[in-house]
Protein backbone atom coordinates (compact mmCIF):
# COMPACT_ATOMS: atom_id res chain seq x y z
CA MET A 1 0.00 0.00 0.00
CA ALA A 2 2.75 2.44 0.95
CA THR A 3 4.51 1.70 -2.35
CA THR A 4 1.39 2.72 -4.25
CA PHE A 5 1.14 5.91 -2.20
CA ILE A 6 4.73 6.73 -3.20
CA ILE A 7 3.99 6.04 -6.87
CA GLN A 8 1.02 8.38 -6.64
CA GLY A 9 3.08 10.99 -4.81
CA THR A 10 5.78 11.12 -7.49
CA VAL A 11 3.41 12.98 -9.84
CA MET A 12 2.19 15.45 -7.23
CA GLN A 13 3.57 18.92 -6.58
CA LYS A 14 6.26 19.17 -3.91
CA ALA A 15 5.30 21.13 -0.80
CA PHE A 16 7.54 23.90 0.54
CA GLY A 17 10.02 23.06 -2.20
CA PHE A 18 11.34 19.86 -0.62
CA VAL A 19 8.49 17.65 0.67
CA ASP A 20 8.15 14.93 -1.96
CA ALA A 21 6.73 11.39 -2.06
CA SER A 22 9.56 9.88 0.00
CA GLU A 23 9.32 12.61 2.65
CA MET A 24 5.55 12.20 2.91
CA ASN A 25 6.11 8.62 4.04
CA ASN A 26 7.18 10.12 7.38
CA ALA A 27 3.57 11.19 7.91
CA ASP A 28 2.85 7.54 8.75
CA THR A 29 5.35 7.65 11.62
CA LEU A 30 3.95 10.95 12.86
CA SER A 31 0.46 9.49 12.76
CA VAL A 32 1.55 6.49 14.84
CA LEU A 33 3.12 8.83 17.41
CA LEU A 34 0.06 11.08 17.54
CA PHE A 35 -2.72 8.49 17.60
CA GLY A 36 -0.70 6.07 19.72
CA ASN A 37 -0.57 8.66 22.48
CA ILE A 38 -4.22 9.63 22.05
CA ILE A 39 -5.39 6.01 22.22
CA THR A 40 -3.16 4.86 25.09
CA ARG A 41 -3.38 8.03 27.20
CA LEU A 42 -6.94 9.21 26.59
CA ILE A 43 -9.29 6.76 24.89
CA LEU A 44 -8.37 3.47 26.59
CA PRO A 45 -8.17 4.98 30.11
CA ALA A 46 -11.60 6.54 29.53
CA PHE A 47 -12.99 3.15 28.51
CA ALA A 48 -11.31 1.44 31.48
CA SER A 49 -12.75 3.95 33.95
CA ARG A 50 -16.22 3.03 32.68
CA GLY A 51 -15.56 -0.70 32.74
CA ILE A 52 -15.71 -0.96 28.95
CA LYS A 53 -13.57 -3.62 27.27
CA VAL A 54 -13.37 -3.43 23.50
CA PRO A 55 -13.46 -6.94 21.97
CA THR A 56 -10.35 -7.90 20.03
CA ASN A 57 -12.22 -8.39 16.77
CA TYR A 58 -13.67 -4.88 17.10
CA LYS A 59 -10.12 -3.52 17.33
CA PHE A 60 -9.22 -5.41 14.17
CA ALA A 61 -12.36 -4.08 12.48
CA ALA A 62 -11.62 -0.50 13.56
CA GLY A 63 -8.02 -0.70 12.37
CA THR A 64 -9.08 -2.20 9.04
CA SER A 65 -11.78 0.46 8.66
CA LEU A 66 -9.15 3.16 9.00
CA GLY A 67 -7.05 1.36 6.38
CA ALA A 68 -10.07 1.34 4.06
CA LEU A 69 -10.53 5.07 4.69
CA ALA A 70 -6.88 5.60 3.72
CA ILE A 71 -7.52 3.82 0.42
CA LEU A 72 -10.72 5.78 -0.15
CA SER A 73 -8.74 8.99 0.42
CA SER A 74 -6.24 7.87 -2.21
CA ILE A 75 -9.07 7.21 -4.66
CA VAL A 76 -10.29 10.77 -4.15
CA ILE A 77 -6.73 12.05 -4.60
CA GLU A 78 -6.36 9.96 -7.76
CA HIS A 79 -9.52 11.50 -9.19
CA ASN A 80 -8.32 15.01 -8.35
CA ILE A 81 -4.87 14.40 -9.87
CA LYS A 82 -6.39 13.53 -13.23
CA LYS A 83 -9.18 16.10 -13.10
CA HIS A 84 -6.79 18.93 -12.25
CA TYR A 85 -4.28 17.84 -14.89
CA PHE A 86 -6.84 17.60 -17.69
CA GLU A 87 -8.34 20.98 -16.75
CA THR A 88 -5.17 22.98 -16.09
CA GLY A 89 -2.16 20.83 -16.99
CA ASP A 90 -0.84 21.30 -13.45
CA LYS A 91 -0.21 19.01 -10.49
CA ILE A 92 -1.99 19.03 -7.13
CA SER A 93 -0.10 19.43 -3.86
CA ILE A 94 1.40 16.36 -2.24
CA LEU A 95 0.03 17.58 1.10
CA TRP A 96 -3.24 15.90 0.11
CA GLN A 97 -1.52 12.64 1.03
CA VAL A 98 -1.53 13.64 4.69
CA PHE A 99 -5.02 12.14 4.95
CA PRO A 100 -4.29 8.56 3.79
CA TYR A 101 -1.06 8.42 5.79
CA MET A 102 -2.80 9.63 8.95
CA PHE A 103 -5.56 7.04 8.55
CA ILE A 104 -2.96 4.31 8.00
CA GLY A 105 -1.00 5.27 11.11
CA ALA A 106 -4.10 5.28 13.30
CA GLY A 107 -5.20 1.94 11.87
CA GLU A 108 -1.80 0.38 12.55
CA ILE A 109 -2.05 1.22 16.25
CA LEU A 110 -5.36 -0.63 16.61
CA SER A 111 -4.50 -3.56 14.35
CA PHE A 112 -1.03 -4.17 15.78
CA ALA A 113 -2.36 -3.98 19.34
CA ALA A 114 -5.09 -6.50 18.55
CA ALA A 115 -2.64 -8.85 16.82
CA PHE A 116 -0.19 -8.79 19.72
CA GLU A 117 -2.99 -9.17 22.24
CA ILE A 118 -4.51 -12.26 20.67
CA ALA A 119 -1.06 -13.79 20.15
CA PHE A 120 -0.19 -13.33 23.82
CA VAL A 121 -3.58 -14.54 25.04
CA ILE A 122 -3.38 -17.77 23.06
CA ALA A 123 0.30 -18.54 23.71
CA PRO A 124 1.45 -20.20 26.94
CA ALA A 125 3.89 -18.20 29.07
CA LYS A 126 7.00 -19.97 27.79
CA ASP A 127 6.07 -19.28 24.15
CA LYS A 128 5.04 -15.63 24.38
CA ALA A 129 8.29 -14.40 22.81
CA LEU A 130 7.75 -16.81 19.92
CA ALA A 131 4.15 -15.63 19.59
CA SER A 132 5.34 -12.03 19.41
CA ALA A 133 7.87 -12.93 16.71
CA ALA A 134 5.23 -14.84 14.75
CA SER A 135 2.87 -11.87 14.96
CA LEU A 136 5.57 -9.53 13.65
CA PHE A 137 6.40 -11.96 10.82
CA ILE A 138 2.76 -12.20 9.76
CA GLN A 139 2.30 -8.43 9.84
CA GLY A 140 5.59 -7.44 8.24
CA GLY A 141 6.59 -10.52 6.27
CA ILE A 142 3.66 -12.51 4.94
CA SER A 143 1.59 -9.38 4.36
CA ASN A 144 4.36 -7.92 2.18
CA ILE A 145 4.60 -11.14 0.18
CA LEU A 146 0.84 -11.09 -0.42
CA CYS A 147 1.00 -7.42 -1.42
CA LEU A 148 3.81 -8.16 -3.87
CA GLY A 149 1.80 -10.99 -5.40
CA LEU A 150 -1.30 -8.81 -5.70
CA TYR A 151 0.79 -6.01 -7.22
CA ASN A 152 2.16 -8.37 -9.89
CA ILE A 153 -1.29 -9.77 -10.69
CA CYS A 154 -2.67 -6.25 -11.08
CA SER A 155 0.36 -4.91 -12.98
CA PRO A 156 -1.76 -3.99 -16.07
CA PHE A 157 -3.38 -1.27 -13.93
CA PHE A 158 0.04 0.42 -13.80
CA TYR A 159 0.60 0.45 -17.57
CA ASN A 160 0.35 3.70 -19.50
CA ASP A 161 -1.08 4.13 -22.99
CA ASN A 162 2.25 3.03 -24.44
CA GLY A 163 1.96 -0.35 -22.71
CA THR A 164 4.82 0.26 -20.28
CA ALA A 165 4.93 0.71 -16.51
CA ASP A 166 6.79 4.01 -16.74
CA ILE A 167 4.34 6.33 -14.97
CA THR A 168 6.78 8.57 -13.12
CA ASP A 169 5.78 11.49 -15.32
CA ILE A 170 2.37 13.13 -14.96
CA ASP A 171 1.74 12.90 -18.73
CA THR A 172 1.95 9.11 -18.70
CA TYR A 173 0.60 8.63 -15.17
CA VAL A 174 -2.84 9.99 -16.04
CA THR A 175 -3.21 7.34 -18.77
CA ALA A 176 -2.76 4.47 -16.29
CA ASN A 177 -5.55 2.99 -14.17
CA LEU A 178 -4.26 3.03 -10.62
CA GLN A 179 -7.76 3.82 -9.39
CA ASN A 180 -8.72 0.22 -10.24
CA TYR A 181 -5.97 -1.06 -7.95
CA PHE A 182 -7.10 1.27 -5.18
CA TRP A 183 -10.70 0.10 -5.55
CA LEU A 184 -9.54 -3.52 -5.26
CA LEU A 185 -7.63 -2.69 -2.06
CA PHE A 186 -10.69 -0.87 -0.74
CA ALA A 187 -12.87 -3.93 -1.41
CA ILE A 188 -10.37 -6.15 0.43
CA GLY A 189 -10.43 -3.73 3.36
CA ILE A 190 -14.23 -3.76 3.55
CA PHE A 191 -14.17 -7.56 3.40
CA GLY A 192 -11.77 -7.55 6.37
CA VAL A 193 -14.08 -5.28 8.36
CA VAL A 194 -17.13 -7.44 7.68
CA LEU A 195 -15.20 -10.64 8.47
CA ASN A 196 -14.13 -9.33 11.87
CA LEU A 197 -17.67 -8.28 12.76
CA LEU A 198 -19.27 -11.63 11.95
CA PRO A 199 -20.89 -13.19 15.06
CA PRO A 200 -19.03 -16.53 14.65
CA VAL A 201 -15.70 -14.69 14.67
CA SER A 202 -16.75 -12.71 17.76
CA ARG A 203 -17.80 -15.86 19.58
CA TRP A 204 -14.62 -17.71 18.60
CA LEU A 205 -12.28 -14.98 19.86
CA LYS A 206 -14.36 -14.46 22.99
CA SER A 207 -14.23 -18.16 23.83
CA ILE A 208 -10.44 -18.17 23.43
CA GLU A 209 -9.99 -15.11 25.62
CA GLU A 210 -12.34 -16.42 28.31
CA SER A 211 -10.67 -19.83 28.39
CA LYS A 212 -7.27 -18.21 28.88
CA ALA A 213 -8.35 -15.37 31.17
CA THR A 214 -8.07 -17.41 34.36
CA SER A 215 -4.99 -19.33 33.28
CA LYS A 216 -1.82 -18.29 35.11
CA ASP A 217 0.17 -19.80 32.26
CA SER A 218 -1.24 -17.19 29.89
CA PHE A 219 -1.53 -14.21 32.23
CA ILE A 220 -0.62 -10.85 30.75
CA ASP A 221 -1.14 -7.24 31.71
CA ARG A 222 -3.17 -5.91 28.78
CA ASP A 223 -2.36 -2.26 29.51
CA SER A 224 1.35 -3.05 29.44
CA LEU A 225 0.84 -5.00 26.23
CA LEU A 226 -0.80 -2.09 24.47
CA ASN A 227 1.94 0.30 25.57
CA ASP A 228 4.56 -2.19 24.36
CA THR A 229 2.68 -2.54 21.08
CA PHE A 230 2.69 1.24 20.63
CA SER A 231 6.46 1.21 21.17
CA GLU A 232 6.87 -1.62 18.64
CA SER A 233 4.72 0.20 16.06
CA GLU A 234 6.68 3.41 16.60
CA THR A 235 9.98 1.58 16.15
CA MET A 236 8.80 -0.24 13.00
CA ASN A 237 7.68 3.02 11.40
CA ILE A 238 10.87 4.89 12.32
CA HIS A 239 13.02 2.18 10.78
């Protein structure tokens, strides 16, 4: 997803003379820092004070929803890039990409926290480090492999009118069909939201959490876990 954002950003107007597509990628890190603090210092304590526990699948659904909003933002940006170019011949500002990057960062906080939480709840005490490593591998390894495969399958969307994938120039970029790729990603995101909200999924995760809740072998401080997850997400984005 981030790769596609960068491709889109290469044909947008630099901001302040130096903020280009590669620099805008830092907005993801800033979003993680901002929303990580808001969620861990304000939202979750407010829920805890009222005795509200957000189910794990709801966290996944919320994080995926924010990812879908990021894609939807990119679709709007894609439309504006082409509309503005055909009307004026000019580029739109790359600052428009603040919105998808901010949504992505906020979604990562919720999704990563949920992934680490369920991994730690399921794993016995002696295997919690392995569970954490497996969670990181799934999020950062397998997901990238799947994205690469999807990108290759959908490569015709990135071809210009000349039949090549050279779309680094605005003149050729507007002849490609990246919006189709974004719509596909959006559909996948919506599917993920619906999947996490299905009653069978809710019951399955709830049964796992309840069965492990009283087990000393699987005990974990959830507040500490979320704070650790925020630190992990921050580190992953910085590097």
